[in-house]
C-alpha atoms as a PDB file:
ATOM      1  CA  MET A   1      18.672  11.746  17.701  1.00  0.00           C
ATOM      2  CA  PRO A   2      17.983   8.863  20.090  1.00  0.00           C
ATOM      3  CA  ALA A   3      14.548   7.319  19.880  1.00  0.00           C
ATOM      4  CA  PRO A   4      12.061   9.061  22.183  1.00  0.00           C
ATOM      5  CA  ARG A   5      10.844   6.694  24.863  1.00  0.00           C
ATOM      6  CA  THR A   6       7.266   7.881  25.420  1.00  0.00           C
ATOM      7  CA  VAL A   7       5.163   8.864  22.407  1.00  0.00           C
ATOM      8  CA  LEU A   8       1.598  10.178  22.458  1.00  0.00           C
ATOM      9  CA  LEU A   9      -0.400   8.503  19.679  1.00  0.00           C
ATOM     10  CA  THR A  10      -3.550  10.477  18.902  1.00  0.00           C
ATOM     11  CA  GLY A  11      -6.321   8.813  16.940  1.00  0.00           C
ATOM     12  CA  ALA A  12      -5.215   5.513  18.414  1.00  0.00           C
ATOM     13  CA  ALA A  13      -8.607   3.836  17.881  1.00  0.00           C
ATOM     14  CA  GLY A  14      -8.675   4.576  14.145  1.00  0.00           C
ATOM     15  CA  GLY A  15      -7.559   2.313  11.342  1.00  0.00           C
ATOM     16  CA  LEU A  16      -4.029   3.666  11.066  1.00  0.00           C
ATOM     17  CA  GLY A  17      -3.767   4.180  14.807  1.00  0.00           C
ATOM     18  CA  THR A  18      -4.691   0.547  15.419  1.00  0.00           C
ATOM     19  CA  LEU A  19      -1.986  -0.618  13.025  1.00  0.00           C
ATOM     20  CA  MET A  20       0.654   1.652  14.574  1.00  0.00           C
ATOM     21  CA  ARG A  21      -0.135   0.813  18.167  1.00  0.00           C
ATOM     22  CA  GLU A  22       0.569  -2.809  17.283  1.00  0.00           C
ATOM     23  CA  LEU A  23       3.800  -2.152  15.350  1.00  0.00           C
ATOM     24  CA  LEU A  24       5.572   0.784  17.002  1.00  0.00           C
ATOM     25  CA  PRO A  25       6.263  -0.849  20.381  1.00  0.00           C
ATOM     26  CA  ASP A  26       8.670  -3.182  18.539  1.00  0.00           C
ATOM     27  CA  TYR A  27      10.858  -0.095  18.018  1.00  0.00           C
ATOM     28  CA  GLY A  28      11.073   0.424  21.766  1.00  0.00           C
ATOM     29  CA  TYR A  29       8.358   3.057  22.172  1.00  0.00           C
ATOM     30  CA  GLU A  30       6.069   3.310  25.141  1.00  0.00           C
ATOM     31  CA  LEU A  31       2.834   4.579  23.624  1.00  0.00           C
ATOM     32  CA  ARG A  32       0.366   6.822  25.399  1.00  0.00           C
ATOM     33  CA  LEU A  33      -2.912   6.339  23.543  1.00  0.00           C
ATOM     34  CA  LEU A  34      -5.549   9.022  22.966  1.00  0.00           C
ATOM     35  CA  ASP A  35      -8.837   8.921  21.107  1.00  0.00           C
ATOM     36  CA  MET A  36     -12.386  10.237  21.377  1.00  0.00           C
ATOM     37  CA  ARG A  37     -13.552   6.633  21.601  1.00  0.00           C
ATOM     38  CA  PRO A  38     -12.563   4.043  24.173  1.00  0.00           C
ATOM     39  CA  ILE A  39      -9.943   1.616  22.912  1.00  0.00           C
ATOM     40  CA  GLU A  40     -10.759  -2.017  23.528  1.00  0.00           C
ATOM     41  CA  GLY A  41      -7.992  -3.786  25.402  1.00  0.00           C
ATOM     42  CA  ALA A  42      -6.290  -0.535  26.413  1.00  0.00           C
ATOM     43  CA  PRO A  43      -7.726   0.433  29.807  1.00  0.00           C
ATOM     44  CA  ASP A  44      -5.069   3.121  30.334  1.00  0.00           C
ATOM     45  CA  ALA A  45      -5.868   4.925  27.084  1.00  0.00           C
ATOM     46  CA  ILE A  46      -7.011   8.522  27.355  1.00  0.00           C
ATOM     47  CA  THR A  47     -10.535   9.196  26.096  1.00  0.00           C
ATOM     48  CA  ALA A  48     -10.684  12.865  25.187  1.00  0.00           C
ATOM     49  CA  ASP A  49     -11.691  15.282  22.446  1.00  0.00           C
ATOM     50  CA  LEU A  50      -9.054  17.581  20.969  1.00  0.00           C
ATOM     51  CA  ALA A  51     -11.537  20.400  21.610  1.00  0.00           C
ATOM     52  CA  ASP A  52     -10.841  19.954  25.346  1.00  0.00           C
ATOM     53  CA  ARG A  53      -7.671  21.990  25.728  1.00  0.00           C
ATOM     54  CA  ASP A  54      -7.100  21.007  29.357  1.00  0.00           C
ATOM     55  CA  ALA A  55      -7.405  17.311  28.547  1.00  0.00           C
ATOM     56  CA  VAL A  56      -5.078  17.684  25.553  1.00  0.00           C
ATOM     57  CA  ARG A  57      -2.444  19.425  27.645  1.00  0.00           C
ATOM     58  CA  GLU A  58      -2.688  16.727  30.305  1.00  0.00           C
ATOM     59  CA  ALA A  59      -2.284  14.042  27.624  1.00  0.00           C
ATOM     60  CA  VAL A  60       0.795  15.769  26.220  1.00  0.00           C
ATOM     61  CA  ARG A  61       2.478  16.357  29.574  1.00  0.00           C
ATOM     62  CA  GLY A  62       5.632  14.284  29.996  1.00  0.00           C
ATOM     63  CA  VAL A  63       5.822  12.707  26.536  1.00  0.00           C
ATOM     64  CA  ASP A  64       8.940  12.898  24.376  1.00  0.00           C
ATOM     65  CA  ALA A  65       7.145  13.173  21.033  1.00  0.00           C
ATOM     66  CA  ILE A  66       3.708  12.982  19.409  1.00  0.00           C
ATOM     67  CA  ILE A  67       2.332  11.092  16.415  1.00  0.00           C
ATOM     68  CA  HIS A  68      -0.806  13.000  15.460  1.00  0.00           C
ATOM     69  CA  LEU A  69      -3.289  10.797  13.596  1.00  0.00           C
ATOM     70  CA  ALA A  70      -6.513  12.080  15.184  1.00  0.00           C
ATOM     71  CA  GLY A  71      -9.228  13.886  13.288  1.00  0.00           C
ATOM     72  CA  ILE A  72     -11.694  13.381  10.481  1.00  0.00           C
ATOM     73  CA  SER A  73     -10.080  11.292   7.742  1.00  0.00           C
ATOM     74  CA  LEU A  74     -12.742  11.669   5.022  1.00  0.00           C
ATOM     75  CA  GLU A  75     -14.719  14.589   3.655  1.00  0.00           C
ATOM     76  CA  ALA A  76     -17.196  16.361   5.920  1.00  0.00           C
ATOM     77  CA  PRO A  77     -18.953  19.731   6.180  1.00  0.00           C
ATOM     78  CA  PHE A  78     -16.451  22.509   6.755  1.00  0.00           C
ATOM     79  CA  GLU A  79     -17.777  23.189  10.268  1.00  0.00           C
ATOM     80  CA  LYS A  80     -16.887  19.636  11.348  1.00  0.00           C
ATOM     81  CA  ILE A  81     -13.489  19.768   9.641  1.00  0.00           C
ATOM     82  CA  LEU A  82     -12.820  23.119  11.304  1.00  0.00           C
ATOM     83  CA  LYS A  83     -13.449  21.774  14.801  1.00  0.00           C
ATOM     84  CA  ALA A  84     -11.745  18.403  14.509  1.00  0.00           C
ATOM     85  CA  ASN A  85      -8.866  18.913  12.098  1.00  0.00           C
ATOM     86  CA  ILE A  86      -8.038  22.616  12.263  1.00  0.00           C
ATOM     87  CA  GLU A  87      -8.869  23.733  15.790  1.00  0.00           C
ATOM     88  CA  GLY A  88      -7.980  20.304  17.204  1.00  0.00           C
ATOM     89  CA  THR A  89      -4.550  20.327  15.588  1.00  0.00           C
ATOM     90  CA  TYR A  90      -3.952  23.860  16.853  1.00  0.00           C
ATOM     91  CA  HIS A  91      -4.833  22.772  20.393  1.00  0.00           C
ATOM     92  CA  LEU A  92      -2.371  19.904  20.138  1.00  0.00           C
ATOM     93  CA  TYR A  93       0.445  22.153  18.903  1.00  0.00           C
ATOM     94  CA  GLU A  94      -0.234  24.693  21.633  1.00  0.00           C
ATOM     95  CA  ALA A  95      -0.152  21.954  24.272  1.00  0.00           C
ATOM     96  CA  ALA A  96       3.111  20.609  22.830  1.00  0.00           C
ATOM     97  CA  ARG A  97       4.621  24.096  22.909  1.00  0.00           C
ATOM     98  CA  GLU A  98       3.472  24.708  26.460  1.00  0.00           C
ATOM     99  CA  GLU A  99       4.800  21.352  27.670  1.00  0.00           C
ATOM    100  CA  GLY A 100       8.114  21.554  25.812  1.00  0.00           C
ATOM    101  CA  VAL A 101       7.585  18.597  23.488  1.00  0.00           C
ATOM    102  CA  GLY A 102      10.288  18.735  20.825  1.00  0.00           C
ATOM    103  CA  ARG A 103       8.779  16.873  17.885  1.00  0.00           C
ATOM    104  CA  ILE A 104       5.477  15.994  16.261  1.00  0.00           C
ATOM    105  CA  VAL A 105       4.886  13.590  13.390  1.00  0.00           C
ATOM    106  CA  PHE A 106       1.810  14.973  11.651  1.00  0.00           C
ATOM    107  CA  ALA A 107      -0.413  12.765   9.499  1.00  0.00           C
ATOM    108  CA  SER A 108      -0.894  14.924   6.440  1.00  0.00           C
ATOM    109  CA  SER A 109      -2.371  13.401   3.304  1.00  0.00           C
ATOM    110  CA  ASN A 110      -2.074  13.017  -0.432  1.00  0.00           C
ATOM    111  CA  HIS A 111      -5.337  14.963  -0.482  1.00  0.00           C
ATOM    112  CA  ALA A 112      -3.436  18.150   0.392  1.00  0.00           C
ATOM    113  CA  VAL A 113      -2.201  17.923  -3.202  1.00  0.00           C
ATOM    114  CA  GLY A 114      -5.092  15.873  -4.562  1.00  0.00           C
ATOM    115  CA  TYR A 115      -5.670  18.014  -7.652  1.00  0.00           C
ATOM    116  CA  THR A 116      -2.106  17.364  -8.817  1.00  0.00           C
ATOM    117  CA  PRO A 117      -2.238  15.444 -12.116  1.00  0.00           C
ATOM    118  CA  ARG A 118      -0.925  11.925 -11.688  1.00  0.00           C
ATOM    119  CA  PRO A 119       2.220  11.031 -13.642  1.00  0.00           C
ATOM    120  CA  GLN A 120       1.633   9.230 -16.929  1.00  0.00           C
ATOM    121  CA  GLY A 121       4.115   7.548 -19.237  1.00  0.00           C
ATOM    122  CA  ASP A 122       7.548   9.065 -18.802  1.00  0.00           C
ATOM    123  CA  ASP A 123       6.371  11.917 -16.563  1.00  0.00           C
ATOM    124  CA  PRO A 124       8.680  12.565 -13.586  1.00  0.00           C
ATOM    125  CA  LEU A 125       7.594  11.609 -10.089  1.00  0.00           C
ATOM    126  CA  ILE A 126       5.620  14.263  -8.202  1.00  0.00           C
ATOM    127  CA  PRO A 127       8.099  16.257  -6.082  1.00  0.00           C
ATOM    128  CA  VAL A 128       7.413  16.990  -2.442  1.00  0.00           C
ATOM    129  CA  ASP A 129       7.451  20.735  -3.164  1.00  0.00           C
ATOM    130  CA  THR A 130       4.636  20.499  -5.698  1.00  0.00           C
ATOM    131  CA  PRO A 131       2.107  23.304  -5.091  1.00  0.00           C
ATOM    132  CA  ARG A 132      -0.618  22.330  -2.668  1.00  0.00           C
ATOM    133  CA  ARG A 133      -3.922  21.698  -4.429  1.00  0.00           C
ATOM    134  CA  PRO A 134      -6.396  20.246  -1.916  1.00  0.00           C
ATOM    135  CA  ASP A 135      -9.252  18.207  -3.306  1.00  0.00           C
ATOM    136  CA  THR A 136     -11.665  18.537  -0.339  1.00  0.00           C
ATOM    137  CA  PHE A 137     -12.173  20.434   2.909  1.00  0.00           C
ATOM    138  CA  TYR A 138     -10.375  17.439   4.441  1.00  0.00           C
ATOM    139  CA  GLY A 139      -7.380  18.029   2.167  1.00  0.00           C
ATOM    140  CA  LEU A 140      -7.542  21.738   2.961  1.00  0.00           C
ATOM    141  CA  SER A 141      -7.255  20.938   6.667  1.00  0.00           C
ATOM    142  CA  LYS A 142      -4.044  19.036   5.953  1.00  0.00           C
ATOM    143  CA  CYS A 143      -2.647  22.091   4.171  1.00  0.00           C
ATOM    144  CA  PHE A 144      -3.437  24.055   7.325  1.00  0.00           C
ATOM    145  CA  GLY A 145      -1.669  21.447   9.444  1.00  0.00           C
ATOM    146  CA  GLU A 146       1.470  21.675   7.321  1.00  0.00           C
ATOM    147  CA  ASP A 147       1.453  25.480   7.581  1.00  0.00           C
ATOM    148  CA  LEU A 148       0.841  25.313  11.327  1.00  0.00           C
ATOM    149  CA  ALA A 149       3.808  22.967  11.643  1.00  0.00           C
ATOM    150  CA  GLN A 150       5.989  25.424   9.715  1.00  0.00           C
ATOM    151  CA  LEU A 151       4.859  28.308  11.932  1.00  0.00           C
ATOM    152  CA  TYR A 152       5.596  26.423  15.135  1.00  0.00           C
ATOM    153  CA  TRP A 153       9.046  25.486  13.848  1.00  0.00           C
ATOM    154  CA  ASP A 154       9.904  29.023  12.758  1.00  0.00           C
ATOM    155  CA  LYS A 155       8.387  30.746  15.791  1.00  0.00           C
ATOM    156  CA  HIS A 156       8.839  28.210  18.594  1.00  0.00           C
ATOM    157  CA  GLY A 157      11.438  25.668  17.451  1.00  0.00           C
ATOM    158  CA  LEU A 158       8.951  22.780  17.580  1.00  0.00           C
ATOM    159  CA  GLU A 159      10.007  20.241  14.946  1.00  0.00           C
ATOM    160  CA  THR A 160       7.536  18.384  12.729  1.00  0.00           C
ATOM    161  CA  VAL A 161       7.687  15.778  10.016  1.00  0.00           C
ATOM    162  CA  SER A 162       4.504  16.097   7.950  1.00  0.00           C
ATOM    163  CA  VAL A 163       3.799  12.762   6.275  1.00  0.00           C
ATOM    164  CA  ARG A 164       1.540  12.992   3.219  1.00  0.00           C
ATOM    165  CA  ILE A 165       0.128   9.518   3.621  1.00  0.00           C
ATOM    166  CA  GLY A 166      -1.109   7.722   0.526  1.00  0.00           C
ATOM    167  CA  SER A 167      -3.149   4.700   1.666  1.00  0.00           C
ATOM    168  CA  CYS A 168      -1.987   2.559   4.588  1.00  0.00           C
ATOM    169  CA  PHE A 169      -3.813  -0.768   4.639  1.00  0.00           C
ATOM    170  CA  PRO A 170      -2.668  -4.373   4.938  1.00  0.00           C
ATOM    171  CA  GLU A 171      -2.997  -4.650   1.147  1.00  0.00           C
ATOM    172  CA  PRO A 172      -4.011  -2.333  -1.712  1.00  0.00           C
ATOM    173  CA  THR A 173      -7.667  -2.499  -2.715  1.00  0.00           C
ATOM    174  CA  SER A 174      -7.733  -0.500  -5.961  1.00  0.00           C
ATOM    175  CA  VAL A 175      -5.627   0.067  -9.057  1.00  0.00           C
ATOM    176  CA  ARG A 176      -4.971   3.654  -7.974  1.00  0.00           C
ATOM    177  CA  MET A 177      -3.769   2.426  -4.602  1.00  0.00           C
ATOM    178  CA  LEU A 178      -1.011   0.425  -6.296  1.00  0.00           C
ATOM    179  CA  SER A 179       0.774   3.773  -6.756  1.00  0.00           C
ATOM    180  CA  VAL A 180       0.282   5.328  -3.292  1.00  0.00           C
ATOM    181  CA  TRP A 181       0.022   2.281  -1.015  1.00  0.00           C
ATOM    182  CA  MET A 182       2.074   2.158   2.178  1.00  0.00           C
ATOM    183  CA  SER A 183       2.258  -1.180   3.931  1.00  0.00           C
ATOM    184  CA  PRO A 184       1.711  -1.037   7.689  1.00  0.00           C
ATOM    185  CA  ALA A 185       5.273  -2.259   8.228  1.00  0.00           C
ATOM    186  CA  ASP A 186       6.637   0.523   6.032  1.00  0.00           C
ATOM    187  CA  GLY A 187       4.368   2.975   7.837  1.00  0.00           C
ATOM    188  CA  ALA A 188       5.988   2.015  11.135  1.00  0.00           C
ATOM    189  CA  ARG A 189       9.437   2.316   9.532  1.00  0.00           C
ATOM    190  CA  LEU A 190       8.604   5.794   8.271  1.00  0.00           C
ATOM    191  CA  PHE A 191       7.176   6.994  11.580  1.00  0.00           C
ATOM    192  CA  HIS A 192      10.224   5.636  13.400  1.00  0.00           C
ATOM    193  CA  ALA A 193      12.527   7.463  10.980  1.00  0.00           C
ATOM    194  CA  ALA A 194      10.484  10.650  11.440  1.00  0.00           C
ATOM    195  CA  LEU A 195      10.798  10.390  15.214  1.00  0.00           C
ATOM    196  CA  THR A 196      14.545   9.770  15.269  1.00  0.00           C
ATOM    197  CA  ALA A 197      16.118  11.710  12.375  1.00  0.00           C
ATOM    198  CA  GLU A 198      18.345  14.635  13.304  1.00  0.00           C
ATOM    199  CA  HIS A 199      17.451  18.272  12.710  1.00  0.00           C
ATOM    200  CA  VAL A 200      14.232  17.910  10.739  1.00  0.00           C
ATOM    201  CA  GLY A 201      12.898  21.445  11.326  1.00  0.00           C
ATOM    202  CA  HIS A 202       9.693  21.136   9.377  1.00  0.00           C
ATOM    203  CA  THR A 203      10.106  18.425   6.768  1.00  0.00           C
ATOM    204  CA  VAL A 204       7.360  17.272   4.405  1.00  0.00           C
ATOM    205  CA  VAL A 205       7.619  13.723   3.087  1.00  0.00           C
ATOM    206  CA  HIS A 206       5.522  11.454   0.916  1.00  0.00           C
ATOM    207  CA  GLY A 207       4.325   8.369   2.737  1.00  0.00           C
ATOM    208  CA  SER A 208       4.217   5.181   0.714  1.00  0.00           C
ATOM    209  CA  SER A 209       6.071   1.978   0.061  1.00  0.00           C
ATOM    210  CA  ALA A 210       8.604   1.615  -2.749  1.00  0.00           C
ATOM    211  CA  ASN A 211       5.908   0.690  -5.245  1.00  0.00           C
ATOM    212  CA  THR A 212       6.784  -0.284  -8.796  1.00  0.00           C
ATOM    213  CA  ARG A 213       3.990   2.058  -9.968  1.00  0.00           C
ATOM    214  CA  LEU A 214       5.001   4.880  -7.623  1.00  0.00           C
ATOM    215  CA  TRP A 215       3.646   8.354  -8.456  1.00  0.00           C
ATOM    216  CA  TRP A 216       5.610  10.536  -6.064  1.00  0.00           C
ATOM    217  CA  ASP A 217       9.169  11.163  -4.978  1.00  0.00           C
ATOM    218  CA  LEU A 218      10.339   9.570  -1.712  1.00  0.00           C
ATOM    219  CA  THR A 219      13.648  11.483  -1.555  1.00  0.00           C
ATOM    220  CA  THR A 220      12.848  13.522   1.557  1.00  0.00           C
ATOM    221  CA  ALA A 221      11.490  10.446   3.333  1.00  0.00           C
ATOM    222  CA  ARG A 222      14.636   8.482   2.513  1.00  0.00           C
ATOM    223  CA  ALA A 223      16.739  11.393   3.771  1.00  0.00           C
ATOM    224  CA  LEU A 224      15.241  10.766   7.221  1.00  0.00           C
ATOM    225  CA  GLY A 225      16.610   7.226   7.122  1.00  0.00           C
ATOM    226  CA  TYR A 226      13.430   5.598   5.809  1.00  0.00           C
ATOM    227  CA  GLU A 227      14.100   2.425   3.831  1.00  0.00           C
ATOM    228  CA  PRO A 228      10.811   1.070   2.486  1.00  0.00           C
ATOM    229  CA  GLN A 229      10.831  -2.677   1.999  1.00  0.00           C
ATOM    230  CA  ASP A 230       7.458  -3.396   0.437  1.00  0.00           C
ATOM    231  CA  ASP A 231       5.876  -3.015  -3.006  1.00  0.00           C
ATOM    232  CA  SER A 232       2.234  -3.206  -4.109  1.00  0.00           C
ATOM    233  CA  GLU A 233       3.094  -5.039  -7.323  1.00  0.00           C
ATOM    234  CA  PRO A 234       2.123  -8.544  -6.107  1.00  0.00           C
ATOM    235  CA  TRP A 235      -1.520  -7.354  -6.072  1.00  0.00           C
ATOM    236  CA  ALA A 236      -1.385  -5.601  -9.463  1.00  0.00           C
ATOM    237  CA  GLU A 237      -2.458  -8.422 -11.753  1.00  0.00           C
ATOM    238  CA  LYS A 238      -5.527  -9.301  -9.683  1.00  0.00           C
ATOM    239  CA  LEU A 239      -6.651  -5.694  -9.197  1.00  0.00           C
ATOM    240  CA  ILE A 240      -6.212  -4.758 -12.857  1.00  0.00           C
ATOM    241  CA  ALA A 241      -8.122  -7.869 -13.942  1.00  0.00           C
ATOM    242  CA  GLU A 242     -10.991  -6.893 -11.635  1.00  0.00           C
ATOM    243  CA  GLN A 243     -11.035  -3.117 -12.173  1.00  0.00           C
ATOM    244  CA  GLY A 244      -9.180  -2.418 -15.410  1.00  0.00           C
ATOM    245  CA  GLU A 245      -6.332   0.002 -16.009  1.00  0.00           C
ATOM    246  CA  LEU A 246      -6.685   3.649 -14.996  1.00  0.00           C
ATOM    247  CA  ASP A 247      -8.356   5.772 -17.690  1.00  0.00           C
ATOM    248  CA  PRO A 248      -6.723   9.209 -18.112  1.00  0.00           C
ATOM    249  CA  GLU A 249     -10.008  10.525 -19.500  1.00  0.00           C
ATOM    250  CA  ASN A 250     -11.739   9.693 -16.220  1.00  0.00           C
ATOM    251  CA  GLU A 251     -11.348  12.644 -13.850  1.00  0.00           C
ATOM    252  CA  ALA A 252     -11.189  10.332 -10.844  1.00  0.00           C
ATOM    253  CA  HIS A 253      -8.218   8.567 -12.462  1.00  0.00           C
ATOM    254  CA  ALA A 254      -6.456  11.690 -13.716  1.00  0.00           C
ATOM    255  CA  TYR A 255      -5.475  13.225 -10.386  1.00  0.00           C
ATOM    256  CA  LEU A 256      -3.457  12.127  -7.390  1.00  0.00           C
ATOM    257  CA  GLY A 257      -6.513  12.410  -5.130  1.00  0.00           C
ATOM    258  CA  GLY A 258      -8.517   9.838  -7.093  1.00  0.00           C
ATOM    259  CA  HIS A 259     -12.233   9.737  -6.355  1.00  0.00           C
ATOM    260  CA  PHE A 260     -11.845  12.396  -3.645  1.00  0.00           C
ATOM    261  CA  VAL A 261     -11.779  14.805  -6.603  1.00  0.00           C
ATOM    262  CA  THR A 262     -15.123  13.656  -8.005  1.00  0.00           C
ATOM    263  CA  ASP A 263     -17.083  11.834  -5.293  1.00  0.00           C
ATOM    264  CA  PRO A 264     -15.303  11.968  -1.939  1.00  0.00           C
ATOM    265  CA  PRO A 265     -16.328   9.504   0.759  1.00  0.00           C
ATOM    266  CA  ILE A 266     -18.193  11.252   3.560  1.00  0.00           C
ATOM    267  CA  TRP A 267     -17.307  10.973   7.243  1.00  0.00           C
ATOM    268  CA  PRO A 268     -20.140   8.953   8.816  1.00  0.00           C
ATOM    269  CA  TYR A 269     -20.143  10.402  12.325  1.00  0.00           C
END
């Protein structure tokens, strides 16, 4: 399909949102920015909470597609996750349905399958249809988002690409991240592919670069037209020297979700 012209980017003030609002305009997108917090240097950005259904519908009105990054991105009490990630995502989908938006790119997470054992030795890559095994309430909310996306495709014809993001930072910062890292440039490539591929229905993809130490299968992402160009390997020697190799006897090293399984970082707000 042709690239949508106007895209609503929720969570535009966050770490990933900041990276994408800098990179996606190069693909020809006009971004409409939304976040709970004001965005420095973006006076036209919409400051709104996803709990405000009227404000969400107004933000959605007239856009061609949505990239949904907003919400709590770490662990938090269930009541906070419920409001921000579950009810907020529902409000966004309802607004998209009401306004006739045809496609959403949903930021899911590796933590939706965080209790999946990581591949070791000659183990095959983790397939995209691996059973969901969330490692936190945060990961559970991403399972909900994927199911909501499936419902809205089956019931309303609203397409979604759910991207189980590994870790999208300018460079990997841990040995585990060498296997799930997605460079910002590859993140923009993947989001662009997710916005423009034909007939996606509801497609779940793994979101990472083509890392030498890759843990999961990128087949469904590549089927969208995604061609990752980066690899975490240039950082491997330094990170392993500083942190050591992953220990399969360490529970935080044994699962895809890493330390989210044992000691998840807590949302500070």
